[in-house]
Amino acid sequence: MTSKQTNKMATDALRCLRKAVRDELRKKALLGQYVIIERNGKACRVSAKQALKIAKAK
C-alpha cells in the first residue's frame, strides 16, 4: 500500500468520524440533551445545540 493510498484512507476515515459525531450531536440537540466536551484541557458539560454550533465552526 502506498502512502498516497494510506493518506486517502485516513482522510476518508476522518470524514466518516466527523459525520458520525455531527449526526449524534443533531440527535441530542433535538432531544434537548447535554454532551461532555473538552475545553482548555477540562471536561465541560454543554448543551448539544451549543456543541453542534462549535463543531460547525471548525
N, C-alpha and C. Protein backbone atom coordinates (compact mmCIF):
# COMPACT_ATOMS: atom_id res chain seq x y z
N MET A 1 0.85 -1.17 0.00
CA MET A 1 0.00 0.00 0.00
C MET A 1 0.90 1.24 0.00
N THR A 2 0.59 2.15 -0.86
CA THR A 2 1.41 3.35 -0.95
C THR A 2 0.97 4.38 0.08
N SER A 3 1.83 5.34 0.31
CA SER A 3 1.48 6.39 1.27
C SER A 3 0.32 7.24 0.76
N LYS A 4 0.17 7.35 -0.54
CA LYS A 4 -0.94 8.09 -1.11
C LYS A 4 -2.26 7.40 -0.79
N GLN A 5 -2.28 6.06 -0.92
CA GLN A 5 -3.48 5.29 -0.60
C GLN A 5 -3.78 5.37 0.90
N THR A 6 -2.75 5.30 1.71
CA THR A 6 -2.93 5.37 3.16
C THR A 6 -3.48 6.73 3.55
N ASN A 7 -2.96 7.79 2.94
CA ASN A 7 -3.43 9.13 3.23
C ASN A 7 -4.90 9.29 2.86
N LYS A 8 -5.30 8.74 1.71
CA LYS A 8 -6.70 8.82 1.29
C LYS A 8 -7.60 8.05 2.26
N MET A 9 -7.15 6.89 2.70
CA MET A 9 -7.94 6.10 3.64
C MET A 9 -8.11 6.84 4.96
N ALA A 10 -7.03 7.47 5.43
CA ALA A 10 -7.09 8.22 6.68
C ALA A 10 -8.02 9.42 6.54
N THR A 11 -7.97 10.10 5.41
CA THR A 11 -8.85 11.24 5.16
C THR A 11 -10.30 10.79 5.12
N ASP A 12 -10.57 9.68 4.46
CA ASP A 12 -11.93 9.14 4.39
C ASP A 12 -12.44 8.74 5.78
N ALA A 13 -11.58 8.13 6.57
CA ALA A 13 -11.96 7.72 7.93
C ALA A 13 -12.29 8.94 8.78
N LEU A 14 -11.47 9.98 8.68
CA LEU A 14 -11.71 11.19 9.45
C LEU A 14 -13.03 11.84 9.05
N ARG A 15 -13.31 11.87 7.76
CA ARG A 15 -14.57 12.44 7.27
C ARG A 15 -15.76 11.65 7.81
N CYS A 16 -15.63 10.34 7.83
CA CYS A 16 -16.69 9.46 8.34
C CYS A 16 -16.93 9.70 9.84
N LEU A 17 -15.86 9.80 10.60
CA LEU A 17 -15.99 10.03 12.04
C LEU A 17 -16.63 11.39 12.33
N ARG A 18 -16.22 12.41 11.59
CA ARG A 18 -16.81 13.74 11.79
C ARG A 18 -18.30 13.74 11.49
N LYS A 19 -18.69 13.03 10.44
CA LYS A 19 -20.11 12.94 10.09
C LYS A 19 -20.89 12.23 11.19
N ALA A 20 -20.32 11.16 11.71
CA ALA A 20 -20.98 10.40 12.77
C ALA A 20 -21.18 11.27 14.02
N VAL A 21 -20.18 12.06 14.36
CA VAL A 21 -20.28 12.94 15.53
C VAL A 21 -21.34 14.02 15.30
N ARG A 22 -21.33 14.62 14.11
CA ARG A 22 -22.34 15.64 13.79
C ARG A 22 -23.74 15.06 13.86
N ASP A 23 -23.93 13.86 13.33
CA ASP A 23 -25.24 13.22 13.36
C ASP A 23 -25.70 12.98 14.80
N GLU A 24 -24.80 12.52 15.64
CA GLU A 24 -25.14 12.26 17.04
C GLU A 24 -25.45 13.57 17.77
N LEU A 25 -24.69 14.62 17.49
CA LEU A 25 -24.97 15.93 18.11
C LEU A 25 -26.34 16.44 17.69
N ARG A 26 -26.70 16.24 16.43
CA ARG A 26 -28.03 16.66 15.96
C ARG A 26 -29.14 15.93 16.72
N LYS A 27 -28.97 14.62 16.90
CA LYS A 27 -29.96 13.84 17.63
C LYS A 27 -30.12 14.35 19.06
N LYS A 28 -28.99 14.56 19.72
CA LYS A 28 -29.02 15.02 21.10
C LYS A 28 -29.60 16.43 21.21
N ALA A 29 -29.30 17.29 20.23
CA ALA A 29 -29.83 18.66 20.23
C ALA A 29 -31.35 18.64 20.10
N LEU A 30 -31.87 17.76 19.25
CA LEU A 30 -33.32 17.65 19.10
C LEU A 30 -34.00 17.18 20.38
N LEU A 31 -33.30 16.36 21.15
CA LEU A 31 -33.84 15.84 22.40
C LEU A 31 -33.59 16.78 23.59
N GLY A 32 -32.82 17.85 23.35
CA GLY A 32 -32.50 18.80 24.43
C GLY A 32 -31.50 18.27 25.42
N GLN A 33 -30.64 17.37 24.99
CA GLN A 33 -29.67 16.76 25.90
C GLN A 33 -28.35 17.54 25.93
N TYR A 34 -27.51 17.15 26.86
CA TYR A 34 -26.19 17.75 27.03
C TYR A 34 -25.12 16.78 26.56
N VAL A 35 -23.94 17.31 26.26
CA VAL A 35 -22.78 16.49 25.92
C VAL A 35 -21.59 16.98 26.74
N ILE A 36 -20.61 16.12 26.85
CA ILE A 36 -19.38 16.47 27.55
C ILE A 36 -18.30 16.69 26.49
N ILE A 37 -17.70 17.88 26.51
CA ILE A 37 -16.61 18.19 25.58
C ILE A 37 -15.42 18.68 26.39
N GLU A 38 -14.28 18.78 25.73
CA GLU A 38 -13.07 19.26 26.38
C GLU A 38 -12.84 20.72 26.01
N ARG A 39 -12.64 21.54 27.03
CA ARG A 39 -12.31 22.96 26.84
C ARG A 39 -11.13 23.29 27.73
N ASN A 40 -10.08 23.76 27.12
CA ASN A 40 -8.87 24.15 27.86
C ASN A 40 -8.36 23.02 28.76
N GLY A 41 -8.46 21.80 28.25
CA GLY A 41 -7.94 20.66 28.98
C GLY A 41 -8.86 20.13 30.07
N LYS A 42 -10.07 20.68 30.20
CA LYS A 42 -11.00 20.23 31.23
C LYS A 42 -12.31 19.77 30.59
N ALA A 43 -12.93 18.78 31.22
CA ALA A 43 -14.24 18.31 30.75
C ALA A 43 -15.29 19.36 31.09
N CYS A 44 -16.18 19.60 30.14
CA CYS A 44 -17.17 20.65 30.31
C CYS A 44 -18.52 20.14 29.77
N ARG A 45 -19.58 20.37 30.52
CA ARG A 45 -20.93 19.97 30.10
C ARG A 45 -21.58 21.15 29.38
N VAL A 46 -21.98 20.94 28.14
CA VAL A 46 -22.65 21.98 27.36
C VAL A 46 -23.86 21.36 26.67
N SER A 47 -24.78 22.19 26.25
CA SER A 47 -25.93 21.67 25.53
C SER A 47 -25.46 21.15 24.17
N ALA A 48 -26.14 20.15 23.67
CA ALA A 48 -25.77 19.59 22.38
C ALA A 48 -25.95 20.62 21.28
N LYS A 49 -26.92 21.50 21.44
CA LYS A 49 -27.14 22.57 20.46
C LYS A 49 -25.91 23.48 20.36
N GLN A 50 -25.36 23.84 21.50
CA GLN A 50 -24.15 24.68 21.52
C GLN A 50 -22.96 23.91 20.96
N ALA A 51 -22.83 22.65 21.30
CA ALA A 51 -21.72 21.84 20.81
C ALA A 51 -21.79 21.69 19.29
N LEU A 52 -23.00 21.59 18.75
CA LEU A 52 -23.18 21.49 17.31
C LEU A 52 -22.72 22.77 16.62
N LYS A 53 -23.01 23.91 17.23
CA LYS A 53 -22.54 25.19 16.69
C LYS A 53 -21.01 25.26 16.68
N ILE A 54 -20.40 24.76 17.75
CA ILE A 54 -18.94 24.75 17.86
C ILE A 54 -18.35 23.84 16.78
N ALA A 55 -18.97 22.68 16.59
CA ALA A 55 -18.48 21.72 15.58
C ALA A 55 -18.60 22.29 14.18
N LYS A 56 -19.66 23.02 13.89
CA LYS A 56 -19.84 23.60 12.56
C LYS A 56 -18.81 24.70 12.29
N ALA A 57 -18.39 25.40 13.35
CA ALA A 57 -17.42 26.48 13.18
C ALA A 57 -16.04 25.98 12.81
N LYS A 58 -15.75 24.73 13.15
CA LYS A 58 -14.41 24.19 12.88
C LYS A 58 -14.31 23.58 11.54
